[in-house]
């Protein structure tokens, strides 16, 4: 028995080249349900199209808006730090410094006069201490005002680095919020057809997900070839697929030969039991002229022949 003689038909099943993709497989931590389903079975959709909205959408949308607002605030603060303080604030602080300098000059002169009188024993020690305290206080105030002016005029590199880091953090929060928002939508990963819908509006998503999608433009017959015959199968060989119940046959070409030997998964239609054999999967690309018929038979069990 071998592939070349086709004495024993090969068990196979119909499957899209794209495979059947499950959308909205549930996350146990979320427990989401379908809020609004926007497609029906049989609808043709485009990659990136929103197919439905989940119950977590509104919460994640609000989080996204907050993250975007924080990013805008962080960016505005960075620009403010880069540009420094407003000219009016700097001018006002310069006037404060000038006023304190004038006051300091007057108090220094008063102290010098009082100090001279104190040395001549013409003023008391308490008066001398009072005038000295006023002078020292004035000097401290002037120095503090000058330091403030310097900080307004000169932007420290550390301040810019901190502001940039805050922007990076806010950007990361936006990215995380965007990712969460995307998980709140059912989005088509490919151009394809909605095959099966498992849950409708207000229903929780079960283990089967929300819906199945596949691209039906190219259909395969996935044949299970015995491991003893697999070396005889090559890409490009002609093949034939037959539906046992009707006898209808469809032609195809071997497109891909499996690289892994494993136990078979298709049951024998004659006995309804899985044969204990080791096989390799061979994908036979079927004639596209029959895709309208075969597109309604996804996962249908068939028999396949591969010709030498």
C-alpha atoms as a PDB file:
ATOM      1  CA  UNK A   1       0.000   0.000   0.000  1.00  0.00           C
ATOM      2  CA  UNK A   2       1.404   3.380  -0.943  1.00  0.00           C
ATOM      3  CA  UNK A   3       0.566   6.852  -2.093  1.00  0.00           C
ATOM      4  CA  UNK A   4       1.557   6.163  -5.677  1.00  0.00           C
ATOM      5  CA  UNK A   5      -0.919   3.321  -6.233  1.00  0.00           C
ATOM      6  CA  UNK A   6      -3.681   5.020  -4.213  1.00  0.00           C
ATOM      7  CA  UNK A   7      -4.923   1.561  -3.187  1.00  0.00           C
ATOM      8  CA  UNK A   8      -6.072   3.048   0.114  1.00  0.00           C
ATOM      9  CA  UNK A   9      -7.584   6.538   0.052  1.00  0.00           C
ATOM     10  CA  UNK A  10      -5.998   9.007   2.470  1.00  0.00           C
ATOM     11  CA  UNK A  11      -8.160  10.492   5.193  1.00  0.00           C
ATOM     12  CA  UNK A  12      -8.356  14.296   5.090  1.00  0.00           C
ATOM     13  CA  UNK A  13     -10.514  17.292   5.944  1.00  0.00           C
ATOM     14  CA  UNK A  14     -11.333  20.651   4.337  1.00  0.00           C
ATOM     15  CA  UNK A  15      -9.648  23.683   5.887  1.00  0.00           C
ATOM     16  CA  UNK A  16      -8.952  27.256   4.706  1.00  0.00           C
ATOM     17  CA  UNK A  17      -5.351  28.061   3.853  1.00  0.00           C
ATOM     18  CA  UNK A  18      -5.607  30.850   6.443  1.00  0.00           C
ATOM     19  CA  UNK A  19      -6.852  28.310   9.030  1.00  0.00           C
ATOM     20  CA  UNK A  20      -9.944  29.023  11.110  1.00  0.00           C
ATOM     21  CA  UNK A  21      -9.116  31.797  13.563  1.00  0.00           C
ATOM     22  CA  UNK A  22     -11.006  32.169  16.832  1.00  0.00           C
ATOM     23  CA  UNK A  23     -11.677  35.781  17.845  1.00  0.00           C
ATOM     24  CA  UNK A  24     -12.288  36.916  21.413  1.00  0.00           C
ATOM     25  CA  UNK A  25     -10.954  33.958  23.356  1.00  0.00           C
ATOM     26  CA  UNK A  26     -11.843  34.898  26.955  1.00  0.00           C
ATOM     27  CA  UNK A  27      -9.404  36.189  29.529  1.00  0.00           C
ATOM     28  CA  UNK A  28     -10.287  34.592  32.889  1.00  0.00           C
ATOM     29  CA  UNK A  29      -9.213  37.751  34.722  1.00  0.00           C
ATOM     30  CA  UNK A  30     -11.523  40.004  32.697  1.00  0.00           C
ATOM     31  CA  UNK A  31     -14.690  37.964  32.357  1.00  0.00           C
ATOM     32  CA  UNK A  32     -15.791  40.130  29.448  1.00  0.00           C
ATOM     33  CA  UNK A  33     -19.081  39.839  27.634  1.00  0.00           C
ATOM     34  CA  UNK A  34     -20.128  41.064  24.205  1.00  0.00           C
ATOM     35  CA  UNK A  35     -21.599  44.559  24.436  1.00  0.00           C
ATOM     36  CA  UNK A  36     -22.298  45.106  20.745  1.00  0.00           C
ATOM     37  CA  UNK A  37     -21.766  42.632  17.920  1.00  0.00           C
ATOM     38  CA  UNK A  38     -21.448  44.353  14.545  1.00  0.00           C
ATOM     39  CA  UNK A  39     -21.373  41.391  12.128  1.00  0.00           C
ATOM     40  CA  UNK A  40     -23.423  38.347  11.151  1.00  0.00           C
ATOM     41  CA  UNK A  41     -22.430  34.887   9.998  1.00  0.00           C
ATOM     42  CA  UNK A  42     -21.417  34.935   6.350  1.00  0.00           C
ATOM     43  CA  UNK A  43     -20.326  38.594   6.376  1.00  0.00           C
ATOM     44  CA  UNK A  44     -17.151  39.374   4.458  1.00  0.00           C
ATOM     45  CA  UNK A  45     -14.849  41.645   6.482  1.00  0.00           C
ATOM     46  CA  UNK A  46     -11.543  43.429   6.024  1.00  0.00           C
ATOM     47  CA  UNK A  47      -8.406  43.166   8.125  1.00  0.00           C
ATOM     48  CA  UNK A  48      -8.552  45.644  11.011  1.00  0.00           C
ATOM     49  CA  UNK A  49     -12.346  45.991  10.850  1.00  0.00           C
ATOM     50  CA  UNK A  50     -14.058  46.188  14.245  1.00  0.00           C
ATOM     51  CA  UNK A  51     -16.393  43.215  14.573  1.00  0.00           C
ATOM     52  CA  UNK A  52     -17.729  43.934  18.027  1.00  0.00           C
ATOM     53  CA  UNK A  53     -17.312  45.820  21.294  1.00  0.00           C
ATOM     54  CA  UNK A  54     -16.812  44.137  24.681  1.00  0.00           C
ATOM     55  CA  UNK A  55     -18.146  45.214  28.068  1.00  0.00           C
ATOM     56  CA  UNK A  56     -14.684  46.406  29.136  1.00  0.00           C
ATOM     57  CA  UNK A  57     -14.529  48.980  26.336  1.00  0.00           C
ATOM     58  CA  UNK A  58     -15.946  52.021  28.164  1.00  0.00           C
ATOM     59  CA  UNK A  59     -13.674  51.542  31.185  1.00  0.00           C
ATOM     60  CA  UNK A  60     -10.587  51.118  29.020  1.00  0.00           C
ATOM     61  CA  UNK A  61     -11.593  54.043  26.811  1.00  0.00           C
ATOM     62  CA  UNK A  62     -11.775  56.309  29.889  1.00  0.00           C
ATOM     63  CA  UNK A  63      -8.352  55.084  31.019  1.00  0.00           C
ATOM     64  CA  UNK A  64      -7.018  55.843  27.561  1.00  0.00           C
ATOM     65  CA  UNK A  65      -8.334  59.422  27.666  1.00  0.00           C
ATOM     66  CA  UNK A  66      -6.755  60.003  31.077  1.00  0.00           C
ATOM     67  CA  UNK A  67      -3.428  58.660  29.836  1.00  0.00           C
ATOM     68  CA  UNK A  68      -3.553  60.911  26.768  1.00  0.00           C
ATOM     69  CA  UNK A  69      -4.339  63.940  28.951  1.00  0.00           C
ATOM     70  CA  UNK A  70      -1.388  63.127  31.229  1.00  0.00           C
ATOM     71  CA  UNK A  71       0.864  62.842  28.191  1.00  0.00           C
ATOM     72  CA  UNK A  72      -0.240  66.252  26.923  1.00  0.00           C
ATOM     73  CA  UNK A  73       0.418  67.739  30.353  1.00  0.00           C
ATOM     74  CA  UNK A  74       3.878  66.149  30.543  1.00  0.00           C
ATOM     75  CA  UNK A  75       4.775  67.444  27.081  1.00  0.00           C
ATOM     76  CA  UNK A  76       3.594  70.953  27.966  1.00  0.00           C
ATOM     77  CA  UNK A  77       5.662  70.899  31.149  1.00  0.00           C
ATOM     78  CA  UNK A  78       8.736  69.786  29.188  1.00  0.00           C
ATOM     79  CA  UNK A  79       8.357  72.712  26.794  1.00  0.00           C
ATOM     80  CA  UNK A  80       7.919  75.072  29.738  1.00  0.00           C
ATOM     81  CA  UNK A  81      11.103  73.797  31.372  1.00  0.00           C
ATOM     82  CA  UNK A  82      13.022  74.059  28.088  1.00  0.00           C
ATOM     83  CA  UNK A  83      11.884  77.630  27.452  1.00  0.00           C
ATOM     84  CA  UNK A  84      12.579  78.723  31.018  1.00  0.00           C
ATOM     85  CA  UNK A  85      10.596  81.241  33.071  1.00  0.00           C
ATOM     86  CA  UNK A  86       8.563  84.011  31.460  1.00  0.00           C
ATOM     87  CA  UNK A  87      10.409  87.293  30.858  1.00  0.00           C
ATOM     88  CA  UNK A  88       7.938  89.161  33.085  1.00  0.00           C
ATOM     89  CA  UNK A  89       8.778  86.881  36.047  1.00  0.00           C
ATOM     90  CA  UNK A  90      12.504  87.423  35.508  1.00  0.00           C
ATOM     91  CA  UNK A  91      12.064  91.211  35.292  1.00  0.00           C
ATOM     92  CA  UNK A  92      10.017  91.232  38.482  1.00  0.00           C
ATOM     93  CA  UNK A  93      12.679  89.242  40.332  1.00  0.00           C
ATOM     94  CA  UNK A  94      15.419  91.575  39.071  1.00  0.00           C
ATOM     95  CA  UNK A  95      13.502  94.500  40.565  1.00  0.00           C
ATOM     96  CA  UNK A  96      13.283  92.653  43.878  1.00  0.00           C
ATOM     97  CA  UNK A  97      17.064  92.139  43.841  1.00  0.00           C
ATOM     98  CA  UNK A  98      17.710  95.793  43.027  1.00  0.00           C
ATOM     99  CA  UNK A  99      15.438  96.940  45.843  1.00  0.00           C
ATOM    100  CA  UNK A 100      17.124  94.621  48.326  1.00  0.00           C
ATOM    101  CA  UNK A 101      20.558  95.849  47.213  1.00  0.00           C
ATOM    102  CA  UNK A 102      19.529  99.450  47.832  1.00  0.00           C
ATOM    103  CA  UNK A 103      18.205  98.555  51.260  1.00  0.00           C
ATOM    104  CA  UNK A 104      21.379  96.631  52.005  1.00  0.00           C
ATOM    105  CA  UNK A 105      23.579  99.613  51.077  1.00  0.00           C
ATOM    106  CA  UNK A 106      21.638 101.852  53.452  1.00  0.00           C
ATOM    107  CA  UNK A 107      21.804  99.335  56.291  1.00  0.00           C
ATOM    108  CA  UNK A 108      25.556  98.747  55.756  1.00  0.00           C
ATOM    109  CA  UNK A 109      26.188 102.477  56.015  1.00  0.00           C
ATOM    110  CA  UNK A 110      24.021 102.674  59.139  1.00  0.00           C
ATOM    111  CA  UNK A 111      25.942  99.765  60.647  1.00  0.00           C
ATOM    112  CA  UNK A 112      29.317 101.360  59.852  1.00  0.00           C
ATOM    113  CA  UNK A 113      28.210 104.599  61.523  1.00  0.00           C
ATOM    114  CA  UNK A 114      26.835 102.759  64.545  1.00  0.00           C
ATOM    115  CA  UNK A 115      29.984 100.641  64.809  1.00  0.00           C
ATOM    116  CA  UNK A 116      32.131 103.804  64.899  1.00  0.00           C
ATOM    117  CA  UNK A 117      29.939 105.307  67.600  1.00  0.00           C
ATOM    118  CA  UNK A 118      30.024 102.055  69.580  1.00  0.00           C
ATOM    119  CA  UNK A 119      33.828 102.060  69.532  1.00  0.00           C
ATOM    120  CA  UNK A 120      33.703 105.600  70.959  1.00  0.00           C
ATOM    121  CA  UNK A 121      31.250 104.394  73.599  1.00  0.00           C
ATOM    122  CA  UNK A 122      28.548 106.730  72.283  1.00  0.00           C
ATOM    123  CA  UNK A 123      25.888 103.992  71.685  1.00  0.00           C
ATOM    124  CA  UNK A 124      24.926 100.993  73.745  1.00  0.00           C
ATOM    125  CA  UNK A 125      25.774  97.381  72.955  1.00  0.00           C
ATOM    126  CA  UNK A 126      22.127  96.572  72.403  1.00  0.00           C
ATOM    127  CA  UNK A 127      21.805  99.302  69.772  1.00  0.00           C
ATOM    128  CA  UNK A 128      24.925  98.041  68.042  1.00  0.00           C
ATOM    129  CA  UNK A 129      23.541  94.486  67.991  1.00  0.00           C
ATOM    130  CA  UNK A 130      20.188  95.695  66.633  1.00  0.00           C
ATOM    131  CA  UNK A 131      21.753  97.560  63.719  1.00  0.00           C
ATOM    132  CA  UNK A 132      24.098  94.664  62.975  1.00  0.00           C
ATOM    133  CA  UNK A 133      21.175  92.202  62.899  1.00  0.00           C
ATOM    134  CA  UNK A 134      19.319  94.401  60.418  1.00  0.00           C
ATOM    135  CA  UNK A 135      22.389  94.535  58.169  1.00  0.00           C
ATOM    136  CA  UNK A 136      22.933  90.758  58.299  1.00  0.00           C
ATOM    137  CA  UNK A 137      19.264  90.098  57.554  1.00  0.00           C
ATOM    138  CA  UNK A 138      19.385  92.412  54.557  1.00  0.00           C
ATOM    139  CA  UNK A 139      22.465  90.646  53.161  1.00  0.00           C
ATOM    140  CA  UNK A 140      20.744  87.252  53.520  1.00  0.00           C
ATOM    141  CA  UNK A 141      17.595  88.473  51.784  1.00  0.00           C
ATOM    142  CA  UNK A 142      19.609  89.893  48.887  1.00  0.00           C
ATOM    143  CA  UNK A 143      21.560  86.643  48.428  1.00  0.00           C
ATOM    144  CA  UNK A 144      18.340  84.587  48.491  1.00  0.00           C
ATOM    145  CA  UNK A 145      16.729  86.860  45.892  1.00  0.00           C
ATOM    146  CA  UNK A 146      19.799  86.590  43.651  1.00  0.00           C
ATOM    147  CA  UNK A 147      19.687  82.773  43.904  1.00  0.00           C
ATOM    148  CA  UNK A 148      16.023  82.817  42.918  1.00  0.00           C
ATOM    149  CA  UNK A 149      16.812  85.054  39.954  1.00  0.00           C
ATOM    150  CA  UNK A 150      19.582  82.703  38.854  1.00  0.00           C
ATOM    151  CA  UNK A 151      17.224  79.716  38.943  1.00  0.00           C
ATOM    152  CA  UNK A 152      14.713  81.630  36.829  1.00  0.00           C
ATOM    153  CA  UNK A 153      17.267  82.646  34.220  1.00  0.00           C
ATOM    154  CA  UNK A 154      19.182  79.357  33.998  1.00  0.00           C
ATOM    155  CA  UNK A 155      17.389  76.068  33.203  1.00  0.00           C
ATOM    156  CA  UNK A 156      19.128  73.194  34.956  1.00  0.00           C
ATOM    157  CA  UNK A 157      19.874  70.088  32.852  1.00  0.00           C
ATOM    158  CA  UNK A 158      18.437  67.961  35.658  1.00  0.00           C
ATOM    159  CA  UNK A 159      15.082  69.710  35.319  1.00  0.00           C
ATOM    160  CA  UNK A 160      14.954  68.922  31.597  1.00  0.00           C
ATOM    161  CA  UNK A 161      15.919  65.283  32.199  1.00  0.00           C
ATOM    162  CA  UNK A 162      13.177  64.904  34.797  1.00  0.00           C
ATOM    163  CA  UNK A 163      10.611  66.497  32.487  1.00  0.00           C
ATOM    164  CA  UNK A 164      11.670  64.197  29.629  1.00  0.00           C
ATOM    165  CA  UNK A 165      11.387  61.160  31.901  1.00  0.00           C
ATOM    166  CA  UNK A 166       7.858  62.203  32.838  1.00  0.00           C
ATOM    167  CA  UNK A 167       6.980  62.380  29.131  1.00  0.00           C
ATOM    168  CA  UNK A 168       8.400  58.880  28.589  1.00  0.00           C
ATOM    169  CA  UNK A 169       6.376  57.534  31.513  1.00  0.00           C
ATOM    170  CA  UNK A 170       3.202  59.181  30.212  1.00  0.00           C
ATOM    171  CA  UNK A 171       3.859  57.782  26.719  1.00  0.00           C
ATOM    172  CA  UNK A 172       4.261  54.286  28.150  1.00  0.00           C
ATOM    173  CA  UNK A 173       0.980  54.685  30.021  1.00  0.00           C
ATOM    174  CA  UNK A 174      -0.738  55.672  26.761  1.00  0.00           C
ATOM    175  CA  UNK A 175       0.701  52.605  25.025  1.00  0.00           C
ATOM    176  CA  UNK A 176      -0.512  50.348  27.825  1.00  0.00           C
ATOM    177  CA  UNK A 177      -3.958  51.958  27.801  1.00  0.00           C
ATOM    178  CA  UNK A 178      -4.146  51.598  24.022  1.00  0.00           C
ATOM    179  CA  UNK A 179      -3.299  47.904  24.267  1.00  0.00           C
ATOM    180  CA  UNK A 180      -6.031  47.420  26.887  1.00  0.00           C
ATOM    181  CA  UNK A 181      -8.514  49.301  24.701  1.00  0.00           C
ATOM    182  CA  UNK A 182      -7.693  47.080  21.729  1.00  0.00           C
ATOM    183  CA  UNK A 183      -8.461  43.994  23.816  1.00  0.00           C
ATOM    184  CA  UNK A 184     -11.910  45.477  24.388  1.00  0.00           C
ATOM    185  CA  UNK A 185     -12.723  45.189  20.699  1.00  0.00           C
ATOM    186  CA  UNK A 186     -13.185  42.211  18.416  1.00  0.00           C
ATOM    187  CA  UNK A 187     -10.999  43.075  15.416  1.00  0.00           C
ATOM    188  CA  UNK A 188     -10.566  41.093  12.203  1.00  0.00           C
ATOM    189  CA  UNK A 189      -6.933  39.903  11.934  1.00  0.00           C
ATOM    190  CA  UNK A 190      -7.330  39.045   8.241  1.00  0.00           C
ATOM    191  CA  UNK A 191      -9.570  39.665   5.254  1.00  0.00           C
ATOM    192  CA  UNK A 192     -12.123  36.910   5.549  1.00  0.00           C
ATOM    193  CA  UNK A 193     -15.601  35.568   6.170  1.00  0.00           C
ATOM    194  CA  UNK A 194     -17.400  35.216   9.496  1.00  0.00           C
ATOM    195  CA  UNK A 195     -17.986  31.471   9.806  1.00  0.00           C
ATOM    196  CA  UNK A 196     -19.626  31.013  13.197  1.00  0.00           C
ATOM    197  CA  UNK A 197     -20.832  33.355  15.945  1.00  0.00           C
ATOM    198  CA  UNK A 198     -20.816  31.819  19.416  1.00  0.00           C
ATOM    199  CA  UNK A 199     -22.236  34.644  21.529  1.00  0.00           C
ATOM    200  CA  UNK A 200     -24.538  37.590  20.915  1.00  0.00           C
ATOM    201  CA  UNK A 201     -25.081  40.927  22.629  1.00  0.00           C
ATOM    202  CA  UNK A 202     -24.925  40.804  26.452  1.00  0.00           C
ATOM    203  CA  UNK A 203     -23.649  37.207  26.426  1.00  0.00           C
ATOM    204  CA  UNK A 204     -20.419  36.161  28.142  1.00  0.00           C
ATOM    205  CA  UNK A 205     -17.617  34.802  25.976  1.00  0.00           C
ATOM    206  CA  UNK A 206     -17.137  31.080  26.423  1.00  0.00           C
ATOM    207  CA  UNK A 207     -14.257  28.742  25.675  1.00  0.00           C
ATOM    208  CA  UNK A 208     -15.048  28.823  21.948  1.00  0.00           C
ATOM    209  CA  UNK A 209     -14.486  32.580  21.843  1.00  0.00           C
ATOM    210  CA  UNK A 210     -16.895  35.060  20.293  1.00  0.00           C
ATOM    211  CA  UNK A 211     -16.657  34.017  16.651  1.00  0.00           C
ATOM    212  CA  UNK A 212     -14.645  32.164  14.001  1.00  0.00           C
ATOM    213  CA  UNK A 213     -13.200  33.824  10.907  1.00  0.00           C
ATOM    214  CA  UNK A 214     -11.308  32.471   7.891  1.00  0.00           C
ATOM    215  CA  UNK A 215     -10.230  33.559   4.439  1.00  0.00           C
ATOM    216  CA  UNK A 216     -12.109  31.309   2.019  1.00  0.00           C
ATOM    217  CA  UNK A 217     -10.314  32.461  -1.137  1.00  0.00           C
ATOM    218  CA  UNK A 218      -7.977  29.460  -0.950  1.00  0.00           C
ATOM    219  CA  UNK A 219      -9.089  26.137   0.507  1.00  0.00           C
ATOM    220  CA  UNK A 220      -6.979  23.114   1.388  1.00  0.00           C
ATOM    221  CA  UNK A 221      -7.561  19.457   1.974  1.00  0.00           C
ATOM    222  CA  UNK A 222      -5.368  18.496   4.911  1.00  0.00           C
ATOM    223  CA  UNK A 223      -4.422  14.884   4.236  1.00  0.00           C
ATOM    224  CA  UNK A 224      -2.908  12.525   6.769  1.00  0.00           C
ATOM    225  CA  UNK A 225      -0.243  10.528   4.904  1.00  0.00           C
ATOM    226  CA  UNK A 226       1.249   7.437   6.526  1.00  0.00           C
ATOM    227  CA  UNK A 227       4.805   7.962   7.708  1.00  0.00           C
ATOM    228  CA  UNK A 228       5.883   5.052   5.482  1.00  0.00           C
ATOM    229  CA  UNK A 229       4.592   6.934   2.408  1.00  0.00           C
ATOM    230  CA  UNK A 230       5.472  10.527   3.204  1.00  0.00           C
ATOM    231  CA  UNK A 231       8.847  10.461   1.415  1.00  0.00           C
ATOM    232  CA  UNK A 232       6.986   9.765  -1.842  1.00  0.00           C
ATOM    233  CA  UNK A 233       4.973  12.969  -1.572  1.00  0.00           C
ATOM    234  CA  UNK A 234       6.424  16.092  -3.189  1.00  0.00           C
ATOM    235  CA  UNK A 235       5.228  19.615  -3.661  1.00  0.00           C
ATOM    236  CA  UNK A 236       3.461  20.140  -6.969  1.00  0.00           C
ATOM    237  CA  UNK A 237       2.012  16.642  -7.256  1.00  0.00           C
ATOM    238  CA  UNK A 238      -1.564  16.460  -8.503  1.00  0.00           C
ATOM    239  CA  UNK A 239      -4.216  15.327  -6.081  1.00  0.00           C
ATOM    240  CA  UNK A 240      -7.918  14.591  -5.911  1.00  0.00           C
ATOM    241  CA  UNK A 241     -10.403  14.959  -3.083  1.00  0.00           C
ATOM    242  CA  UNK A 242     -13.696  13.102  -2.898  1.00  0.00           C
ATOM    243  CA  UNK A 243     -16.759  13.632  -0.727  1.00  0.00           C
ATOM    244  CA  UNK A 244     -17.852  10.111   0.203  1.00  0.00           C
ATOM    245  CA  UNK A 245     -21.549  10.896   0.640  1.00  0.00           C
ATOM    246  CA  UNK A 246     -22.034  12.393  -2.840  1.00  0.00           C
ATOM    247  CA  UNK A 247     -19.081  11.063  -4.796  1.00  0.00           C
ATOM    248  CA  UNK A 248     -18.195  14.606  -5.896  1.00  0.00           C
ATOM    249  CA  UNK A 249     -14.493  15.053  -6.635  1.00  0.00           C
ATOM    250  CA  UNK A 250     -12.279  18.138  -6.586  1.00  0.00           C
ATOM    251  CA  UNK A 251      -8.791  18.539  -7.979  1.00  0.00           C
ATOM    252  CA  UNK A 252      -5.812  20.108  -6.300  1.00  0.00           C
ATOM    253  CA  UNK A 253      -2.037  20.395  -6.029  1.00  0.00           C
ATOM    254  CA  UNK A 254       0.202  19.470  -3.104  1.00  0.00           C
ATOM    255  CA  UNK A 255       1.328  22.807  -1.691  1.00  0.00           C
ATOM    256  CA  UNK A 256       3.031  21.813   1.526  1.00  0.00           C
ATOM    257  CA  UNK A 257       4.407  18.618   3.035  1.00  0.00           C
ATOM    258  CA  UNK A 258       4.457  18.396   6.829  1.00  0.00           C
ATOM    259  CA  UNK A 259       7.759  18.295   8.668  1.00  0.00           C
ATOM    260  CA  UNK A 260       6.526  16.533  11.789  1.00  0.00           C
ATOM    261  CA  UNK A 261       5.425  12.947  12.261  1.00  0.00           C
ATOM    262  CA  UNK A 262       2.559  12.569  14.735  1.00  0.00           C
ATOM    263  CA  UNK A 263      -0.472  10.473  15.579  1.00  0.00           C
ATOM    264  CA  UNK A 264      -3.423  10.822  13.250  1.00  0.00           C
ATOM    265  CA  UNK A 265      -6.476  12.851  14.274  1.00  0.00           C
ATOM    266  CA  UNK A 266      -9.086  11.971  11.635  1.00  0.00           C
ATOM    267  CA  UNK A 267     -11.453   9.097  12.364  1.00  0.00           C
ATOM    268  CA  UNK A 268     -12.069   6.366   9.840  1.00  0.00           C
ATOM    269  CA  UNK A 269     -15.550   7.013   8.386  1.00  0.00           C
ATOM    270  CA  UNK A 270     -16.150   3.266   8.088  1.00  0.00           C
ATOM    271  CA  UNK A 271     -15.566   2.497  11.761  1.00  0.00           C
ATOM    272  CA  UNK A 272     -15.860   5.925  13.487  1.00  0.00           C
ATOM    273  CA  UNK A 273     -12.651   5.056  15.328  1.00  0.00           C
ATOM    274  CA  UNK A 274      -9.273   6.791  15.231  1.00  0.00           C
ATOM    275  CA  UNK A 275      -6.757   4.499  13.599  1.00  0.00           C
ATOM    276  CA  UNK A 276      -3.606   4.055  15.653  1.00  0.00           C
ATOM    277  CA  UNK A 277      -1.176   5.195  12.962  1.00  0.00           C
ATOM    278  CA  UNK A 278       1.577   7.762  12.634  1.00  0.00           C
ATOM    279  CA  UNK A 279       1.206  10.306   9.883  1.00  0.00           C
ATOM    280  CA  UNK A 280       2.447  13.592   8.445  1.00  0.00           C
ATOM    281  CA  UNK A 281       0.046  16.284   7.330  1.00  0.00           C
ATOM    282  CA  UNK A 282       0.056  17.238   3.653  1.00  0.00           C
ATOM    283  CA  UNK A 283      -1.820  20.340   2.529  1.00  0.00           C
ATOM    284  CA  UNK A 284      -3.460  20.035  -0.883  1.00  0.00           C
ATOM    285  CA  UNK A 285      -4.488  23.375  -2.355  1.00  0.00           C
ATOM    286  CA  UNK A 286      -7.854  22.848  -4.070  1.00  0.00           C
ATOM    287  CA  UNK A 287      -9.001  24.367  -7.356  1.00  0.00           C
ATOM    288  CA  UNK A 288     -10.365  27.845  -6.618  1.00  0.00           C
ATOM    289  CA  UNK A 289     -13.205  27.347  -9.095  1.00  0.00           C
ATOM    290  CA  UNK A 290     -14.915  25.162  -6.479  1.00  0.00           C
ATOM    291  CA  UNK A 291     -14.396  27.457  -3.489  1.00  0.00           C
ATOM    292  CA  UNK A 292     -18.071  28.497  -3.330  1.00  0.00           C
ATOM    293  CA  UNK A 293     -19.082  24.867  -2.802  1.00  0.00           C
ATOM    294  CA  UNK A 294     -16.239  23.884  -0.504  1.00  0.00           C
ATOM    295  CA  UNK A 295     -16.497  27.136   1.489  1.00  0.00           C
ATOM    296  CA  UNK A 296     -19.593  25.672   3.171  1.00  0.00           C
ATOM    297  CA  UNK A 297     -17.802  22.444   4.097  1.00  0.00           C
ATOM    298  CA  UNK A 298     -15.056  23.665   6.422  1.00  0.00           C
ATOM    299  CA  UNK A 299     -13.723  20.755   8.554  1.00  0.00           C
ATOM    300  CA  UNK A 300     -15.712  18.270   6.447  1.00  0.00           C
ATOM    301  CA  UNK A 301     -14.034  14.848   6.373  1.00  0.00           C
ATOM    302  CA  UNK A 302     -13.084  13.710   2.864  1.00  0.00           C
ATOM    303  CA  UNK A 303     -10.884  11.161   1.137  1.00  0.00           C
ATOM    304  CA  UNK A 304      -7.840  12.262  -0.810  1.00  0.00           C
ATOM    305  CA  UNK A 305      -5.582  10.720  -3.447  1.00  0.00           C
ATOM    306  CA  UNK A 306      -2.124  11.984  -4.356  1.00  0.00           C
ATOM    307  CA  UNK A 307      -0.872  10.991  -7.801  1.00  0.00           C
ATOM    308  CA  UNK A 308       2.798  10.376  -8.690  1.00  0.00           C
END
